[in-house]
Amino acid sequence: MEALTIARLSFGAVVALAGLVLILGGTLGLLRFPDVYTRLHAAGVSDGPGAAIFLVGLAIMAPDAGLGVRLLFLAALIVALGPVLSHLIGNAAHSGGLAPIAGPYTAPRPGAARAERDA
């Protein structure tokens, strides 16, 4: 392998890994946040750009230019449709009567329900 190919593949792998880290952050937000609106924010802010960055990394590592261009078009589609889909989900949740959690949120602690029941 020539040095330029190794550098291109290494750079593409670093970019793809950065996208995966963003997606992981969005996944943690989906698991940790209390209601649909904050979960939607976590997913919209990190998963869409994370997927686009991941696809750009794959496009950099693509063996031919045609595949790279198709991956870049897919990344552009994800970037364009991400906010639209987030808005549709949020609007459907609001129309369905789901209210956001107001005031300070305290996460349930493990064993708290058992302690209240035993008291």
Protein backbone atom coordinates (compact mmCIF):
# COMPACT_ATOMS: atom_id res chain seq x y z
CA MET A 1 0.00 0.00 0.00
CA GLU A 2 1.24 3.43 -0.74
CA ALA A 3 1.54 6.08 1.95
CA LEU A 4 -1.24 8.26 0.54
CA THR A 5 -3.75 5.40 0.71
CA ILE A 6 -2.77 4.62 4.30
CA ALA A 7 -3.14 8.30 5.25
CA ARG A 8 -6.55 8.52 3.53
CA LEU A 9 -7.84 5.39 5.25
CA SER A 10 -6.51 6.52 8.62
CA PHE A 11 -8.09 9.96 8.31
CA GLY A 12 -11.39 8.43 7.18
CA ALA A 13 -11.34 6.08 10.16
CA VAL A 14 -10.78 8.98 12.57
CA VAL A 15 -13.66 10.94 11.02
CA ALA A 16 -15.96 7.89 11.14
CA LEU A 17 -15.01 7.28 14.76
CA ALA A 18 -15.88 10.89 15.62
CA GLY A 19 -19.33 10.35 14.09
CA LEU A 20 -19.79 7.17 16.12
CA VAL A 21 -18.90 9.04 19.32
CA LEU A 22 -21.63 11.60 18.55
CA ILE A 23 -24.14 8.82 17.91
CA LEU A 24 -23.16 7.21 21.22
CA GLY A 25 -23.80 10.51 22.99
CA GLY A 26 -27.26 10.72 21.43
CA THR A 27 -27.99 7.16 22.48
CA LEU A 28 -27.03 7.96 26.07
CA GLY A 29 -29.33 10.98 25.94
CA LEU A 30 -32.19 8.82 24.72
CA LEU A 31 -31.66 6.47 27.63
CA ARG A 32 -31.16 9.10 30.35
CA PHE A 33 -33.55 11.96 29.59
CA PRO A 34 -37.00 11.94 31.21
CA ASP A 35 -39.52 12.86 28.50
CA VAL A 36 -40.03 12.66 24.76
CA TYR A 37 -39.04 16.28 24.11
CA THR A 38 -35.65 16.15 25.78
CA ARG A 39 -35.00 12.74 24.23
CA LEU A 40 -35.92 14.16 20.85
CA HIS A 41 -33.50 17.03 21.41
CA ALA A 42 -30.69 14.62 22.27
CA ALA A 43 -31.37 12.53 19.20
CA GLY A 44 -31.81 15.47 16.86
CA VAL A 45 -28.71 17.32 17.95
CA SER A 46 -26.29 14.42 17.98
CA ASP A 47 -27.58 11.48 15.95
CA GLY A 48 -28.20 13.32 12.67
CA PRO A 49 -24.85 15.10 12.51
CA GLY A 50 -23.13 12.01 13.92
CA ALA A 51 -24.55 9.85 11.13
CA ALA A 52 -23.56 12.46 8.54
CA ILE A 53 -20.00 12.67 9.89
CA PHE A 54 -19.80 8.88 9.94
CA LEU A 55 -20.87 8.76 6.29
CA VAL A 56 -18.30 11.40 5.37
CA GLY A 57 -15.67 9.20 7.00
CA LEU A 58 -16.89 6.24 4.97
CA ALA A 59 -16.80 8.39 1.82
CA ILE A 60 -13.18 9.26 2.54
CA MET A 61 -12.39 5.56 2.88
CA ALA A 62 -14.41 4.56 -0.22
CA PRO A 63 -12.43 2.54 -2.78
CA ASP A 64 -13.83 4.49 -5.76
CA ALA A 65 -15.15 8.00 -6.31
CA GLY A 66 -18.65 6.89 -7.35
CA LEU A 67 -19.31 5.22 -4.02
CA GLY A 68 -17.86 8.21 -2.18
CA VAL A 69 -20.20 10.61 -3.97
CA ARG A 70 -23.21 8.43 -3.19
CA LEU A 71 -22.24 8.34 0.49
CA LEU A 72 -21.90 12.14 0.50
CA PHE A 73 -25.37 12.46 -1.06
CA LEU A 74 -26.75 10.19 1.65
CA ALA A 75 -25.06 12.34 4.31
CA ALA A 76 -26.64 15.46 2.79
CA LEU A 77 -30.04 13.75 2.82
CA ILE A 78 -29.68 12.88 6.50
CA VAL A 79 -28.67 16.46 7.34
CA ALA A 80 -31.64 17.84 5.38
CA LEU A 81 -34.26 15.44 6.75
CA GLY A 82 -33.13 15.26 10.38
CA PRO A 83 -34.75 18.53 11.53
CA VAL A 84 -37.91 17.80 9.54
CA LEU A 85 -38.35 14.40 11.17
CA SER A 86 -37.63 15.82 14.63
CA HIS A 87 -40.28 18.47 14.07
CA LEU A 88 -42.81 15.87 12.93
CA ILE A 89 -42.18 13.71 16.00
CA GLY A 90 -42.39 16.68 18.36
CA ASN A 91 -45.56 17.93 16.72
CA ALA A 92 -47.14 14.47 16.94
CA ALA A 93 -46.22 14.22 20.62
CA HIS A 94 -47.71 17.66 21.31
CA SER A 95 -50.86 16.87 19.31
CA GLY A 96 -51.19 13.60 21.20
CA GLY A 97 -51.32 15.49 24.48
CA LEU A 98 -47.87 14.66 25.84
CA ALA A 99 -46.80 17.50 28.09
CA PRO A 100 -43.15 18.19 28.85
CA ILE A 101 -41.96 17.70 32.40
CA ALA A 102 -42.05 21.09 34.12
CA GLY A 103 -39.90 22.06 37.06
CA PRO A 104 -36.83 20.33 38.38
CA TYR A 105 -36.56 16.68 37.54
CA THR A 106 -35.22 14.24 40.06
CA ALA A 107 -34.22 10.89 38.68
CA PRO A 108 -35.58 7.84 40.49
CA ARG A 109 -32.94 6.14 42.61
CA PRO A 110 -32.50 2.37 42.62
CA GLY A 111 -34.36 0.84 45.52
CA ALA A 112 -36.30 4.04 46.31
CA ALA A 113 -39.66 2.48 45.45
CA ARG A 114 -38.91 -0.47 47.72
CA ALA A 115 -37.92 1.84 50.61
CA GLU A 116 -41.14 3.85 50.25
CA ARG A 117 -43.21 0.65 50.11
CA ASP A 118 -41.56 -0.80 53.23
CA ALA A 119 -41.99 2.40 55.25
